Amino acid sequence: PRAALVHWCGHTRAEARDGRPGWTLGGGDELSEVDLLEAGLAARLVVANSCGVEEGARVARALLLAGARNVVASLWEVEDDAAERFGLRLHEELALGRTLGE
């Protein structure tokens, strides 16, 4: 399935099962860089709200290589409540018709 917008809130681990950065999903499953590249993405925007920021740039790169046209990801530690407020505001602005560049 294809989606125009993907928003991930979760944990980013430094290593997934193949030794590359990835995401820990509910139930302990993992999604690695290889999984992303194999699945492909057609999303206009992927928002990666996650901890484990030391790998944030690498995960963002993997998302772009997998086909995401734009990625929003944190490169430093962010408090949970601040990340929640940012995510809500971002989606409110997009729903109002604002573009990613505004």
Protein backbone atom coordinates (compact mmCIF):
# COMPACT_ATOMS: atom_id res chain seq x y z
CA PRO A 1 0.00 0.00 0.00
CA ARG A 2 1.09 3.54 -0.74
CA ALA A 3 0.52 6.58 1.46
CA ALA A 4 1.16 10.26 0.82
CA LEU A 5 2.10 10.84 4.47
CA VAL A 6 3.78 8.49 6.93
CA HIS A 7 4.24 9.55 10.57
CA TRP A 8 6.31 7.30 12.82
CA CYS A 9 6.42 7.78 16.59
CA GLY A 10 8.60 5.21 18.27
CA HIS A 11 12.09 4.12 19.10
CA THR A 12 15.05 4.07 16.73
CA ARG A 13 17.69 1.55 17.66
CA ALA A 14 21.30 1.86 16.64
CA GLU A 15 21.25 -1.66 15.19
CA ALA A 16 18.47 -3.79 13.81
CA ARG A 17 18.69 -7.49 12.96
CA ASP A 18 20.99 -6.91 9.97
CA GLY A 19 23.41 -4.67 11.90
CA ARG A 20 21.99 -1.48 10.40
CA PRO A 21 19.86 1.24 12.00
CA GLY A 22 16.18 0.55 12.14
CA TRP A 23 12.97 0.98 14.04
CA THR A 24 11.61 -1.12 16.85
CA LEU A 25 7.92 -1.73 16.18
CA GLY A 26 5.13 -2.86 18.48
CA GLY A 27 5.56 -6.43 19.65
CA GLY A 28 9.34 -6.21 19.34
CA ASP A 29 9.44 -6.51 15.54
CA GLU A 30 12.07 -4.47 13.74
CA LEU A 31 12.13 -2.57 10.47
CA SER A 32 15.67 -2.13 9.10
CA GLU A 33 17.19 -0.01 6.36
CA VAL A 34 17.16 -3.07 4.11
CA ASP A 35 13.43 -3.57 4.79
CA LEU A 36 12.78 0.08 3.82
CA LEU A 37 14.78 -0.20 0.60
CA GLU A 38 13.08 -3.45 -0.40
CA ALA A 39 9.58 -2.14 0.33
CA GLY A 40 10.06 1.22 -1.35
CA LEU A 41 8.21 4.38 -0.41
CA ALA A 42 6.09 6.71 -2.49
CA ALA A 43 5.28 9.06 0.38
CA ARG A 44 5.40 12.79 -0.20
CA LEU A 45 6.37 13.19 3.48
CA VAL A 46 7.72 10.89 6.17
CA VAL A 47 7.86 12.28 9.72
CA ALA A 48 10.14 10.27 12.00
CA ASN A 49 9.45 11.28 15.60
CA SER A 50 11.74 8.93 17.46
CA CYS A 51 14.36 8.72 20.13
CA GLY A 52 17.73 7.24 19.38
CA VAL A 53 18.72 10.44 17.63
CA GLU A 54 22.34 9.39 17.12
CA GLU A 55 21.01 7.43 14.16
CA GLY A 56 18.41 9.98 13.06
CA ALA A 57 20.37 11.21 10.04
CA ARG A 58 21.08 7.66 8.91
CA VAL A 59 17.44 6.63 9.17
CA ALA A 60 16.39 9.81 7.30
CA ARG A 61 18.87 8.94 4.55
CA ALA A 62 17.46 5.42 4.31
CA LEU A 63 13.92 6.82 4.01
CA LEU A 64 15.01 9.14 1.20
CA LEU A 65 16.83 6.33 -0.61
CA ALA A 66 13.69 4.18 -0.26
CA GLY A 67 11.71 6.82 -2.17
CA ALA A 68 10.32 9.30 0.37
CA ARG A 69 10.30 12.74 -1.23
CA ASN A 70 10.67 14.64 2.07
CA VAL A 71 11.71 13.56 5.57
CA VAL A 72 11.34 15.38 8.88
CA ALA A 73 13.54 13.82 11.59
CA SER A 74 15.21 15.09 14.74
CA LEU A 75 18.99 15.22 14.94
CA TRP A 76 19.07 15.90 18.68
CA GLU A 77 17.29 14.74 21.82
CA VAL A 78 13.73 16.09 22.11
CA GLU A 79 11.41 15.80 25.10
CA ASP A 80 8.30 13.69 24.47
CA ASP A 81 5.84 16.54 25.09
CA ALA A 82 7.72 18.87 22.73
CA ALA A 83 7.76 16.18 20.02
CA GLU A 84 4.02 15.67 20.50
CA ARG A 85 3.29 19.41 20.22
CA PHE A 86 5.45 19.64 17.09
CA GLY A 87 3.70 16.69 15.45
CA LEU A 88 0.25 18.07 16.19
CA ARG A 89 1.15 21.53 14.91
CA LEU A 90 2.76 20.14 11.77
CA HIS A 91 -0.37 18.17 10.88
CA GLU A 92 -2.64 21.13 11.70
CA GLU A 93 -0.64 23.35 9.33
CA LEU A 94 -0.63 20.73 6.57
CA ALA A 95 -4.41 20.29 6.98
CA LEU A 96 -4.80 24.05 6.49
CA GLY A 97 -3.06 23.70 3.14
CA ARG A 98 0.37 24.98 4.13
CA THR A 99 3.22 23.62 2.06
CA LEU A 100 6.30 21.95 3.46
CA GLY A 101 8.37 25.04 2.70
CA GLU A 102 6.18 27.44 4.69
